mmCIF file of all heavy atoms, coordinates in Angstrom:
data_MODEL
# 
_entry.id   MODEL 
# 
loop_
_atom_site.group_PDB 
_atom_site.id 
_atom_site.type_symbol 
_atom_site.label_atom_id 
_atom_site.label_alt_id 
_atom_site.label_comp_id 
_atom_site.label_asym_id 
_atom_site.label_entity_id 
_atom_site.label_seq_id 
_atom_site.pdbx_PDB_ins_code 
_atom_site.Cartn_x 
_atom_site.Cartn_y 
_atom_site.Cartn_z 
_atom_site.occupancy 
_atom_site.B_iso_or_equiv 
_atom_site.pdbx_formal_charge 
_atom_site.auth_seq_id 
_atom_site.auth_comp_id 
_atom_site.auth_asym_id 
_atom_site.auth_atom_id 
_atom_site.pdbx_PDB_model_num 
ATOM 1   N N   . GLN A 1 1  ? -6.518 -98.118  -18.688 1.00 0.00 ? 1  GLN A N   1 
ATOM 2   C CA  . GLN A 1 1  ? -6.047 -96.988  -19.499 1.00 0.00 ? 1  GLN A CA  1 
ATOM 3   C C   . GLN A 1 1  ? -4.960 -97.408  -20.491 1.00 0.00 ? 1  GLN A C   1 
ATOM 4   O O   . GLN A 1 1  ? -5.084 -97.185  -21.681 1.00 0.00 ? 1  GLN A O   1 
ATOM 5   C CB  . GLN A 1 1  ? -5.538 -95.841  -18.617 1.00 0.00 ? 1  GLN A CB  1 
ATOM 6   C CG  . GLN A 1 1  ? -6.628 -95.218  -17.752 1.00 0.00 ? 1  GLN A CG  1 
ATOM 7   C CD  . GLN A 1 1  ? -7.789 -94.697  -18.593 1.00 0.00 ? 1  GLN A CD  1 
ATOM 8   O OE1 . GLN A 1 1  ? -7.578 -94.016  -19.581 1.00 0.00 ? 1  GLN A OE1 1 
ATOM 9   N NE2 . GLN A 1 1  ? -8.999 -95.028  -18.178 1.00 0.00 ? 1  GLN A NE2 1 
ATOM 10  N N   . SER A 1 2  ? -3.870 -97.986  -20.037 1.00 0.00 ? 2  SER A N   1 
ATOM 11  C CA  . SER A 1 2  ? -2.798 -98.411  -20.930 1.00 0.00 ? 2  SER A CA  1 
ATOM 12  C C   . SER A 1 2  ? -2.623 -99.919  -20.849 1.00 0.00 ? 2  SER A C   1 
ATOM 13  O O   . SER A 1 2  ? -2.503 -100.486 -19.760 1.00 0.00 ? 2  SER A O   1 
ATOM 14  C CB  . SER A 1 2  ? -1.477 -97.727  -20.562 1.00 0.00 ? 2  SER A CB  1 
ATOM 15  O OG  . SER A 1 2  ? -0.426 -98.211  -21.387 1.00 0.00 ? 2  SER A OG  1 
ATOM 16  N N   . VAL A 1 3  ? -2.612 -100.579 -22.023 1.00 0.00 ? 3  VAL A N   1 
ATOM 17  C CA  . VAL A 1 3  ? -2.436 -102.037 -22.064 1.00 0.00 ? 3  VAL A CA  1 
ATOM 18  C C   . VAL A 1 3  ? -1.229 -102.425 -22.911 1.00 0.00 ? 3  VAL A C   1 
ATOM 19  O O   . VAL A 1 3  ? -1.099 -103.582 -23.301 1.00 0.00 ? 3  VAL A O   1 
ATOM 20  C CB  . VAL A 1 3  ? -3.709 -102.727 -22.628 1.00 0.00 ? 3  VAL A CB  1 
ATOM 21  C CG1 . VAL A 1 3  ? -4.862 -102.609 -21.659 1.00 0.00 ? 3  VAL A CG1 1 
ATOM 22  C CG2 . VAL A 1 3  ? -4.082 -102.141 -23.988 1.00 0.00 ? 3  VAL A CG2 1 
ATOM 23  N N   . ASN A 1 4  ? -0.354 -101.473 -23.190 1.00 0.00 ? 4  ASN A N   1 
ATOM 24  C CA  . ASN A 1 4  ? 0.822  -101.780 -24.009 1.00 0.00 ? 4  ASN A CA  1 
ATOM 25  C C   . ASN A 1 4  ? 1.683  -102.883 -23.394 1.00 0.00 ? 4  ASN A C   1 
ATOM 26  O O   . ASN A 1 4  ? 2.145  -103.782 -24.114 1.00 0.00 ? 4  ASN A O   1 
ATOM 27  C CB  . ASN A 1 4  ? 1.651  -100.510 -24.222 1.00 0.00 ? 4  ASN A CB  1 
ATOM 28  C CG  . ASN A 1 4  ? 0.931  -99.504  -25.113 1.00 0.00 ? 4  ASN A CG  1 
ATOM 29  O OD1 . ASN A 1 4  ? 0.123  -99.882  -25.958 1.00 0.00 ? 4  ASN A OD1 1 
ATOM 30  N ND2 . ASN A 1 4  ? 1.204  -98.230  -24.914 1.00 0.00 ? 4  ASN A ND2 1 
ATOM 31  N N   . PRO A 1 5  ? 1.944  -102.876 -22.077 1.00 0.00 ? 5  PRO A N   1 
ATOM 32  C CA  . PRO A 1 5  ? 2.725  -103.986 -21.494 1.00 0.00 ? 5  PRO A CA  1 
ATOM 33  C C   . PRO A 1 5  ? 2.041  -105.341 -21.669 1.00 0.00 ? 5  PRO A C   1 
ATOM 34  O O   . PRO A 1 5  ? 2.709  -106.361 -21.840 1.00 0.00 ? 5  PRO A O   1 
ATOM 35  C CB  . PRO A 1 5  ? 2.824  -103.600 -20.011 1.00 0.00 ? 5  PRO A CB  1 
ATOM 36  C CG  . PRO A 1 5  ? 2.648  -102.120 -19.992 1.00 0.00 ? 5  PRO A CG  1 
ATOM 37  C CD  . PRO A 1 5  ? 1.648  -101.840 -21.075 1.00 0.00 ? 5  PRO A CD  1 
ATOM 38  N N   . ILE A 1 6  ? 0.699  -105.357 -21.637 1.00 0.00 ? 6  ILE A N   1 
ATOM 39  C CA  . ILE A 1 6  ? -0.026 -106.615 -21.804 1.00 0.00 ? 6  ILE A CA  1 
ATOM 40  C C   . ILE A 1 6  ? 0.214  -107.177 -23.199 1.00 0.00 ? 6  ILE A C   1 
ATOM 41  O O   . ILE A 1 6  ? 0.312  -108.393 -23.395 1.00 0.00 ? 6  ILE A O   1 
ATOM 42  C CB  . ILE A 1 6  ? -1.528 -106.406 -21.543 1.00 0.00 ? 6  ILE A CB  1 
ATOM 43  C CG1 . ILE A 1 6  ? -1.770 -106.031 -20.079 1.00 0.00 ? 6  ILE A CG1 1 
ATOM 44  C CG2 . ILE A 1 6  ? -2.329 -107.660 -21.900 1.00 0.00 ? 6  ILE A CG2 1 
ATOM 45  C CD1 . ILE A 1 6  ? -3.216 -105.774 -19.732 1.00 0.00 ? 6  ILE A CD1 1 
ATOM 46  N N   . GLY A 1 7  ? 0.328  -106.303 -24.189 1.00 0.00 ? 7  GLY A N   1 
ATOM 47  C CA  . GLY A 1 7  ? 0.614  -106.745 -25.544 1.00 0.00 ? 7  GLY A CA  1 
ATOM 48  C C   . GLY A 1 7  ? 1.946  -107.468 -25.640 1.00 0.00 ? 7  GLY A C   1 
ATOM 49  O O   . GLY A 1 7  ? 2.068  -108.479 -26.346 1.00 0.00 ? 7  GLY A O   1 
ATOM 50  N N   . PHE A 1 8  ? 2.944  -106.991 -24.924 1.00 0.00 ? 8  PHE A N   1 
ATOM 51  C CA  . PHE A 1 8  ? 4.251  -107.656 -24.918 1.00 0.00 ? 8  PHE A CA  1 
ATOM 52  C C   . PHE A 1 8  ? 4.158  -109.032 -24.276 1.00 0.00 ? 8  PHE A C   1 
ATOM 53  O O   . PHE A 1 8  ? 4.814  -109.985 -24.721 1.00 0.00 ? 8  PHE A O   1 
ATOM 54  C CB  . PHE A 1 8  ? 5.282  -106.798 -24.175 1.00 0.00 ? 8  PHE A CB  1 
ATOM 55  C CG  . PHE A 1 8  ? 5.643  -105.525 -24.892 1.00 0.00 ? 8  PHE A CG  1 
ATOM 56  C CD1 . PHE A 1 8  ? 5.416  -104.296 -24.304 1.00 0.00 ? 8  PHE A CD1 1 
ATOM 57  C CD2 . PHE A 1 8  ? 6.198  -105.559 -26.164 1.00 0.00 ? 8  PHE A CD2 1 
ATOM 58  C CE1 . PHE A 1 8  ? 5.738  -103.120 -24.965 1.00 0.00 ? 8  PHE A CE1 1 
ATOM 59  C CE2 . PHE A 1 8  ? 6.524  -104.387 -26.834 1.00 0.00 ? 8  PHE A CE2 1 
ATOM 60  C CZ  . PHE A 1 8  ? 6.296  -103.164 -26.238 1.00 0.00 ? 8  PHE A CZ  1 
ATOM 61  N N   . VAL A 1 9  ? 3.353  -109.137 -23.237 1.00 0.00 ? 9  VAL A N   1 
ATOM 62  C CA  . VAL A 1 9  ? 3.152  -110.439 -22.588 1.00 0.00 ? 9  VAL A CA  1 
ATOM 63  C C   . VAL A 1 9  ? 2.505  -111.414 -23.567 1.00 0.00 ? 9  VAL A C   1 
ATOM 64  O O   . VAL A 1 9  ? 2.915  -112.582 -23.673 1.00 0.00 ? 9  VAL A O   1 
ATOM 65  C CB  . VAL A 1 9  ? 2.283  -110.290 -21.325 1.00 0.00 ? 9  VAL A CB  1 
ATOM 66  C CG1 . VAL A 1 9  ? 1.925  -111.658 -20.748 1.00 0.00 ? 9  VAL A CG1 1 
ATOM 67  C CG2 . VAL A 1 9  ? 3.007  -109.449 -20.282 1.00 0.00 ? 9  VAL A CG2 1 
ATOM 68  N N   . PHE A 1 10 ? 1.505  -110.944 -24.295 1.00 0.00 ? 10 PHE A N   1 
ATOM 69  C CA  . PHE A 1 10 ? 0.813  -111.800 -25.269 1.00 0.00 ? 10 PHE A CA  1 
ATOM 70  C C   . PHE A 1 10 ? 1.794  -112.322 -26.316 1.00 0.00 ? 10 PHE A C   1 
ATOM 71  O O   . PHE A 1 10 ? 1.836  -113.523 -26.608 1.00 0.00 ? 10 PHE A O   1 
ATOM 72  C CB  . PHE A 1 10 ? -0.305 -111.016 -25.943 1.00 0.00 ? 10 PHE A CB  1 
ATOM 73  C CG  . PHE A 1 10 ? -0.980 -111.770 -27.062 1.00 0.00 ? 10 PHE A CG  1 
ATOM 74  C CD1 . PHE A 1 10 ? -2.034 -112.628 -26.802 1.00 0.00 ? 10 PHE A CD1 1 
ATOM 75  C CD2 . PHE A 1 10 ? -0.551 -111.628 -28.380 1.00 0.00 ? 10 PHE A CD2 1 
ATOM 76  C CE1 . PHE A 1 10 ? -2.644 -113.347 -27.825 1.00 0.00 ? 10 PHE A CE1 1 
ATOM 77  C CE2 . PHE A 1 10 ? -1.150 -112.330 -29.401 1.00 0.00 ? 10 PHE A CE2 1 
ATOM 78  C CZ  . PHE A 1 10 ? -2.207 -113.190 -29.126 1.00 0.00 ? 10 PHE A CZ  1 
ATOM 79  N N   . LEU A 1 11 ? 2.590  -111.423 -26.890 1.00 0.00 ? 11 LEU A N   1 
ATOM 80  C CA  . LEU A 1 11 ? 3.530  -111.821 -27.937 1.00 0.00 ? 11 LEU A CA  1 
ATOM 81  C C   . LEU A 1 11 ? 4.580  -112.792 -27.408 1.00 0.00 ? 11 LEU A C   1 
ATOM 82  O O   . LEU A 1 11 ? 5.030  -113.687 -28.135 1.00 0.00 ? 11 LEU A O   1 
ATOM 83  C CB  . LEU A 1 11 ? 4.194  -110.583 -28.523 1.00 0.00 ? 11 LEU A CB  1 
ATOM 84  C CG  . LEU A 1 11 ? 3.253  -109.630 -29.279 1.00 0.00 ? 11 LEU A CG  1 
ATOM 85  C CD1 . LEU A 1 11 ? 3.993  -108.379 -29.727 1.00 0.00 ? 11 LEU A CD1 1 
ATOM 86  C CD2 . LEU A 1 11 ? 2.625  -110.327 -30.484 1.00 0.00 ? 11 LEU A CD2 1 
ATOM 87  N N   . SER A 1 12 ? 4.961  -112.628 -26.142 1.00 0.00 ? 12 SER A N   1 
ATOM 88  C CA  . SER A 1 12 ? 5.932  -113.555 -25.558 1.00 0.00 ? 12 SER A CA  1 
ATOM 89  C C   . SER A 1 12 ? 5.329  -114.950 -25.399 1.00 0.00 ? 12 SER A C   1 
ATOM 90  O O   . SER A 1 12 ? 5.992  -115.958 -25.671 1.00 0.00 ? 12 SER A O   1 
ATOM 91  C CB  . SER A 1 12 ? 6.393  -113.026 -24.198 1.00 0.00 ? 12 SER A CB  1 
ATOM 92  O OG  . SER A 1 12 ? 7.058  -111.782 -24.332 1.00 0.00 ? 12 SER A OG  1 
ATOM 93  N N   . LEU A 1 13 ? 4.062  -115.005 -24.995 1.00 0.00 ? 13 LEU A N   1 
ATOM 94  C CA  . LEU A 1 13 ? 3.402  -116.298 -24.838 1.00 0.00 ? 13 LEU A CA  1 
ATOM 95  C C   . LEU A 1 13 ? 3.186  -116.993 -26.175 1.00 0.00 ? 13 LEU A C   1 
ATOM 96  O O   . LEU A 1 13 ? 3.254  -118.222 -26.270 1.00 0.00 ? 13 LEU A O   1 
ATOM 97  C CB  . LEU A 1 13 ? 2.060  -116.117 -24.121 1.00 0.00 ? 13 LEU A CB  1 
ATOM 98  C CG  . LEU A 1 13 ? 2.127  -115.744 -22.639 1.00 0.00 ? 13 LEU A CG  1 
ATOM 99  C CD1 . LEU A 1 13 ? 0.727  -115.442 -22.106 1.00 0.00 ? 13 LEU A CD1 1 
ATOM 100 C CD2 . LEU A 1 13 ? 2.772  -116.858 -21.829 1.00 0.00 ? 13 LEU A CD2 1 
ATOM 101 N N   . VAL A 1 14 ? 2.933  -116.216 -27.217 1.00 0.00 ? 14 VAL A N   1 
ATOM 102 C CA  . VAL A 1 14 ? 2.713  -116.800 -28.545 1.00 0.00 ? 14 VAL A CA  1 
ATOM 103 C C   . VAL A 1 14 ? 3.944  -117.579 -29.006 1.00 0.00 ? 14 VAL A C   1 
ATOM 104 O O   . VAL A 1 14 ? 3.825  -118.564 -29.746 1.00 0.00 ? 14 VAL A O   1 
ATOM 105 C CB  . VAL A 1 14 ? 2.355  -115.699 -29.562 1.00 0.00 ? 14 VAL A CB  1 
ATOM 106 C CG1 . VAL A 1 14 ? 2.443  -116.221 -30.996 1.00 0.00 ? 14 VAL A CG1 1 
ATOM 107 C CG2 . VAL A 1 14 ? 0.947  -115.189 -29.305 1.00 0.00 ? 14 VAL A CG2 1 
ATOM 108 N N   . GLU A 1 15 ? 5.127  -117.151 -28.570 1.00 0.00 ? 15 GLU A N   1 
ATOM 109 C CA  . GLU A 1 15 ? 6.359  -117.817 -28.988 1.00 0.00 ? 15 GLU A CA  1 
ATOM 110 C C   . GLU A 1 15 ? 6.371  -119.295 -28.629 1.00 0.00 ? 15 GLU A C   1 
ATOM 111 O O   . GLU A 1 15 ? 7.092  -120.086 -29.244 1.00 0.00 ? 15 GLU A O   1 
ATOM 112 C CB  . GLU A 1 15 ? 7.569  -117.121 -28.366 1.00 0.00 ? 15 GLU A CB  1 
ATOM 113 C CG  . GLU A 1 15 ? 7.861  -115.748 -28.944 1.00 0.00 ? 15 GLU A CG  1 
ATOM 114 C CD  . GLU A 1 15 ? 8.229  -115.818 -30.417 1.00 0.00 ? 15 GLU A CD  1 
ATOM 115 O OE1 . GLU A 1 15 ? 9.031  -116.697 -30.791 1.00 0.00 ? 15 GLU A OE1 1 
ATOM 116 O OE2 . GLU A 1 15 ? 7.702  -115.001 -31.196 1.00 0.00 ? 15 GLU A OE2 1 
ATOM 117 N N   . ALA A 1 16 ? 5.572  -119.688 -27.640 1.00 0.00 ? 16 ALA A N   1 
ATOM 118 C CA  . ALA A 1 16 ? 5.500  -121.103 -27.271 1.00 0.00 ? 16 ALA A CA  1 
ATOM 119 C C   . ALA A 1 16 ? 4.963  -121.947 -28.412 1.00 0.00 ? 16 ALA A C   1 
ATOM 120 O O   . ALA A 1 16 ? 5.207  -123.164 -28.473 1.00 0.00 ? 16 ALA A O   1 
ATOM 121 C CB  . ALA A 1 16 ? 4.621  -121.283 -26.034 1.00 0.00 ? 16 ALA A CB  1 
ATOM 122 N N   . GLY A 1 17 ? 4.245  -121.318 -29.355 1.00 0.00 ? 17 GLY A N   1 
ATOM 123 C CA  . GLY A 1 17 ? 3.688  -122.043 -30.487 1.00 0.00 ? 17 GLY A CA  1 
ATOM 124 C C   . GLY A 1 17 ? 4.719  -122.540 -31.472 1.00 0.00 ? 17 GLY A C   1 
ATOM 125 O O   . GLY A 1 17 ? 4.393  -123.331 -32.368 1.00 0.00 ? 17 GLY A O   1 
ATOM 126 N N   . ARG A 1 18 ? 5.962  -122.104 -31.325 1.00 0.00 ? 18 ARG A N   1 
ATOM 127 C CA  . ARG A 1 18 ? 7.027  -122.590 -32.212 1.00 0.00 ? 18 ARG A CA  1 
ATOM 128 C C   . ARG A 1 18 ? 7.376  -124.049 -31.943 1.00 0.00 ? 18 ARG A C   1 
ATOM 129 O O   . ARG A 1 18 ? 8.026  -124.695 -32.769 1.00 0.00 ? 18 ARG A O   1 
ATOM 130 C CB  . ARG A 1 18 ? 8.298  -121.756 -32.039 1.00 0.00 ? 18 ARG A CB  1 
ATOM 131 C CG  . ARG A 1 18 ? 8.210  -120.326 -32.534 1.00 0.00 ? 18 ARG A CG  1 
ATOM 132 C CD  . ARG A 1 18 ? 9.559  -119.645 -32.395 1.00 0.00 ? 18 ARG A CD  1 
ATOM 133 N NE  . ARG A 1 18 ? 9.522  -118.264 -32.786 1.00 0.00 ? 18 ARG A NE  1 
ATOM 134 C CZ  . ARG A 1 18 ? 9.693  -117.830 -34.036 1.00 0.00 ? 18 ARG A CZ  1 
ATOM 135 N NH1 . ARG A 1 18 ? 9.898  -118.701 -35.006 1.00 0.00 ? 18 ARG A NH1 1 
ATOM 136 N NH2 . ARG A 1 18 ? 9.656  -116.537 -34.315 1.00 0.00 ? 18 ARG A NH2 1 
ATOM 137 N N   . TYR A 1 19 ? 6.969  -124.553 -30.794 1.00 0.00 ? 19 TYR A N   1 
ATOM 138 C CA  . TYR A 1 19 ? 7.392  -125.886 -30.376 1.00 0.00 ? 19 TYR A CA  1 
ATOM 139 C C   . TYR A 1 19 ? 6.178  -126.790 -30.173 1.00 0.00 ? 19 TYR A C   1 
ATOM 140 O O   . TYR A 1 19 ? 5.097  -126.318 -29.791 1.00 0.00 ? 19 TYR A O   1 
ATOM 141 C CB  . TYR A 1 19 ? 8.204  -125.804 -29.081 1.00 0.00 ? 19 TYR A CB  1 
ATOM 142 C CG  . TYR A 1 19 ? 9.346  -124.820 -29.178 1.00 0.00 ? 19 TYR A CG  1 
ATOM 143 C CD1 . TYR A 1 19 ? 9.227  -123.533 -28.648 1.00 0.00 ? 19 TYR A CD1 1 
ATOM 144 C CD2 . TYR A 1 19 ? 10.532 -125.169 -29.822 1.00 0.00 ? 19 TYR A CD2 1 
ATOM 145 C CE1 . TYR A 1 19 ? 10.269 -122.623 -28.754 1.00 0.00 ? 19 TYR A CE1 1 
ATOM 146 C CE2 . TYR A 1 19 ? 11.576 -124.264 -29.933 1.00 0.00 ? 19 TYR A CE2 1 
ATOM 147 C CZ  . TYR A 1 19 ? 11.434 -122.990 -29.400 1.00 0.00 ? 19 TYR A CZ  1 
ATOM 148 O OH  . TYR A 1 19 ? 12.456 -122.090 -29.521 1.00 0.00 ? 19 TYR A OH  1 
ATOM 149 N N   . PRO A 1 20 ? 6.322  -128.094 -30.417 1.00 0.00 ? 20 PRO A N   1 
ATOM 150 C CA  . PRO A 1 20 ? 5.200  -129.030 -30.220 1.00 0.00 ? 20 PRO A CA  1 
ATOM 151 C C   . PRO A 1 20 ? 4.703  -129.003 -28.787 1.00 0.00 ? 20 PRO A C   1 
ATOM 152 O O   . PRO A 1 20 ? 5.471  -128.801 -27.844 1.00 0.00 ? 20 PRO A O   1 
ATOM 153 C CB  . PRO A 1 20 ? 5.826  -130.385 -30.576 1.00 0.00 ? 20 PRO A CB  1 
ATOM 154 C CG  . PRO A 1 20 ? 6.956  -130.056 -31.491 1.00 0.00 ? 20 PRO A CG  1 
ATOM 155 C CD  . PRO A 1 20 ? 7.510  -128.759 -30.976 1.00 0.00 ? 20 PRO A CD  1 
ATOM 156 N N   . LEU A 1 21 ? 3.421  -129.231 -28.629 1.00 0.00 ? 21 LEU A N   1 
ATOM 157 C CA  . LEU A 1 21 ? 2.794  -129.171 -27.316 1.00 0.00 ? 21 LEU A CA  1 
ATOM 158 C C   . LEU A 1 21 ? 3.410  -130.184 -26.352 1.00 0.00 ? 21 LEU A C   1 
ATOM 159 O O   . LEU A 1 21 ? 3.559  -129.905 -25.159 1.00 0.00 ? 21 LEU A O   1 
ATOM 160 C CB  . LEU A 1 21 ? 1.289  -129.430 -27.458 1.00 0.00 ? 21 LEU A CB  1 
ATOM 161 C CG  . LEU A 1 21 ? 0.411  -129.166 -26.234 1.00 0.00 ? 21 LEU A CG  1 
ATOM 162 C CD1 . LEU A 1 21 ? 0.447  -127.692 -25.851 1.00 0.00 ? 21 LEU A CD1 1 
ATOM 163 C CD2 . LEU A 1 21 ? -1.016 -129.606 -26.513 1.00 0.00 ? 21 LEU A CD2 1 
ATOM 164 N N   . VAL A 1 22 ? 3.812  -131.357 -26.864 1.00 0.00 ? 22 VAL A N   1 
ATOM 165 C CA  . VAL A 1 22 ? 4.338  -132.410 -25.997 1.00 0.00 ? 22 VAL A CA  1 
ATOM 166 C C   . VAL A 1 22 ? 5.707  -132.076 -25.439 1.00 0.00 ? 22 VAL A C   1 
ATOM 167 O O   . VAL A 1 22 ? 6.208  -132.789 -24.556 1.00 0.00 ? 22 VAL A O   1 
ATOM 168 C CB  . VAL A 1 22 ? 4.406  -133.758 -26.751 1.00 0.00 ? 22 VAL A CB  1 
ATOM 169 C CG1 . VAL A 1 22 ? 3.019  -134.252 -27.108 1.00 0.00 ? 22 VAL A CG1 1 
ATOM 170 C CG2 . VAL A 1 22 ? 5.281  -133.641 -28.002 1.00 0.00 ? 22 VAL A CG2 1 
ATOM 171 N N   . PHE A 1 23 ? 6.343  -131.027 -25.918 1.00 0.00 ? 23 PHE A N   1 
ATOM 172 C CA  . PHE A 1 23 ? 7.641  -130.626 -25.388 1.00 0.00 ? 23 PHE A CA  1 
ATOM 173 C C   . PHE A 1 23 ? 7.511  -129.973 -24.008 1.00 0.00 ? 23 PHE A C   1 
ATOM 174 O O   . PHE A 1 23 ? 8.508  -129.780 -23.324 1.00 0.00 ? 23 PHE A O   1 
ATOM 175 C CB  . PHE A 1 23 ? 8.326  -129.645 -26.338 1.00 0.00 ? 23 PHE A CB  1 
ATOM 176 C CG  . PHE A 1 23 ? 8.957  -130.282 -27.552 1.00 0.00 ? 23 PHE A CG  1 
ATOM 177 C CD1 . PHE A 1 23 ? 8.599  -131.558 -27.965 1.00 0.00 ? 23 PHE A CD1 1 
ATOM 178 C CD2 . PHE A 1 23 ? 9.903  -129.603 -28.296 1.00 0.00 ? 23 PHE A CD2 1 
ATOM 179 C CE1 . PHE A 1 23 ? 9.160  -132.142 -29.090 1.00 0.00 ? 23 PHE A CE1 1 
ATOM 180 C CE2 . PHE A 1 23 ? 10.478 -130.175 -29.424 1.00 0.00 ? 23 PHE A CE2 1 
ATOM 181 C CZ  . PHE A 1 23 ? 10.112 -131.439 -29.825 1.00 0.00 ? 23 PHE A CZ  1 
ATOM 182 N N   . PHE A 1 24 ? 6.283  -129.636 -23.601 1.00 0.00 ? 24 PHE A N   1 
ATOM 183 C CA  . PHE A 1 24 ? 6.066  -128.911 -22.357 1.00 0.00 ? 24 PHE A CA  1 
ATOM 184 C C   . PHE A 1 24 ? 5.494  -129.841 -21.287 1.00 0.00 ? 24 PHE A C   1 
ATOM 185 O O   . PHE A 1 24 ? 4.898  -130.882 -21.599 1.00 0.00 ? 24 PHE A O   1 
ATOM 186 C CB  . PHE A 1 24 ? 5.098  -127.747 -22.583 1.00 0.00 ? 24 PHE A CB  1 
ATOM 187 C CG  . PHE A 1 24 ? 5.583  -126.736 -23.585 1.00 0.00 ? 24 PHE A CG  1 
ATOM 188 C CD1 . PHE A 1 24 ? 5.177  -126.801 -24.914 1.00 0.00 ? 24 PHE A CD1 1 
ATOM 189 C CD2 . PHE A 1 24 ? 6.440  -125.713 -23.200 1.00 0.00 ? 24 PHE A CD2 1 
ATOM 190 C CE1 . PHE A 1 24 ? 5.617  -125.872 -25.838 1.00 0.00 ? 24 PHE A CE1 1 
ATOM 191 C CE2 . PHE A 1 24 ? 6.886  -124.778 -24.117 1.00 0.00 ? 24 PHE A CE2 1 
ATOM 192 C CZ  . PHE A 1 24 ? 6.481  -124.856 -25.430 1.00 0.00 ? 24 PHE A CZ  1 
ATOM 193 N N   . PRO A 1 25 ? 5.634  -129.470 -19.997 1.00 0.00 ? 25 PRO A N   1 
ATOM 194 C CA  . PRO A 1 25 ? 5.006  -130.248 -18.920 1.00 0.00 ? 25 PRO A CA  1 
ATOM 195 C C   . PRO A 1 25 ? 3.484  -130.243 -19.064 1.00 0.00 ? 25 PRO A C   1 
ATOM 196 O O   . PRO A 1 25 ? 2.917  -129.400 -19.752 1.00 0.00 ? 25 PRO A O   1 
ATOM 197 C CB  . PRO A 1 25 ? 5.446  -129.501 -17.653 1.00 0.00 ? 25 PRO A CB  1 
ATOM 198 C CG  . PRO A 1 25 ? 6.667  -128.741 -18.049 1.00 0.00 ? 25 PRO A CG  1 
ATOM 199 C CD  . PRO A 1 25 ? 6.477  -128.377 -19.499 1.00 0.00 ? 25 PRO A CD  1 
ATOM 200 N N   . VAL A 1 26 ? 2.835  -131.173 -18.381 1.00 0.00 ? 26 VAL A N   1 
ATOM 201 C CA  . VAL A 1 26 ? 1.386  -131.338 -18.508 1.00 0.00 ? 26 VAL A CA  1 
ATOM 202 C C   . VAL A 1 26 ? 0.631  -130.059 -18.158 1.00 0.00 ? 26 VAL A C   1 
ATOM 203 O O   . VAL A 1 26 ? -0.313 -129.665 -18.853 1.00 0.00 ? 26 VAL A O   1 
ATOM 204 C CB  . VAL A 1 26 ? 0.903  -132.504 -17.622 1.00 0.00 ? 26 VAL A CB  1 
ATOM 205 C CG1 . VAL A 1 26 ? -0.625 -132.596 -17.650 1.00 0.00 ? 26 VAL A CG1 1 
ATOM 206 C CG2 . VAL A 1 26 ? 1.522  -133.824 -18.080 1.00 0.00 ? 26 VAL A CG2 1 
ATOM 207 N N   . ALA A 1 27 ? 1.029  -129.396 -17.098 1.00 0.00 ? 27 ALA A N   1 
ATOM 208 C CA  . ALA A 1 27 ? 0.336  -128.176 -16.683 1.00 0.00 ? 27 ALA A CA  1 
ATOM 209 C C   . ALA A 1 27 ? 0.433  -127.095 -17.756 1.00 0.00 ? 27 ALA A C   1 
ATOM 210 O O   . ALA A 1 27 ? -0.542 -126.387 -18.035 1.00 0.00 ? 27 ALA A O   1 
ATOM 211 C CB  . ALA A 1 27 ? 0.909  -127.669 -15.365 1.00 0.00 ? 27 ALA A CB  1 
ATOM 212 N N   . VAL A 1 28 ? 1.598  -126.986 -18.362 1.00 0.00 ? 28 VAL A N   1 
ATOM 213 C CA  . VAL A 1 28 ? 1.790  -125.985 -19.417 1.00 0.00 ? 28 VAL A CA  1 
ATOM 214 C C   . VAL A 1 28 ? 0.990  -126.370 -20.654 1.00 0.00 ? 28 VAL A C   1 
ATOM 215 O O   . VAL A 1 28 ? 0.424  -125.503 -21.331 1.00 0.00 ? 28 VAL A O   1 
ATOM 216 C CB  . VAL A 1 28 ? 3.287  -125.842 -19.757 1.00 0.00 ? 28 VAL A CB  1 
ATOM 217 C CG1 . VAL A 1 28 ? 3.490  -124.830 -20.889 1.00 0.00 ? 28 VAL A CG1 1 
ATOM 218 C CG2 . VAL A 1 28 ? 4.076  -125.408 -18.527 1.00 0.00 ? 28 VAL A CG2 1 
# 
């Protein structure tokens, strides 16, 4: 019914794109 909280989760995860992939652990 409501997915507004899921949208906030998506936008928070997108922020990881500001940094190079190699800055994160292998699993991430």
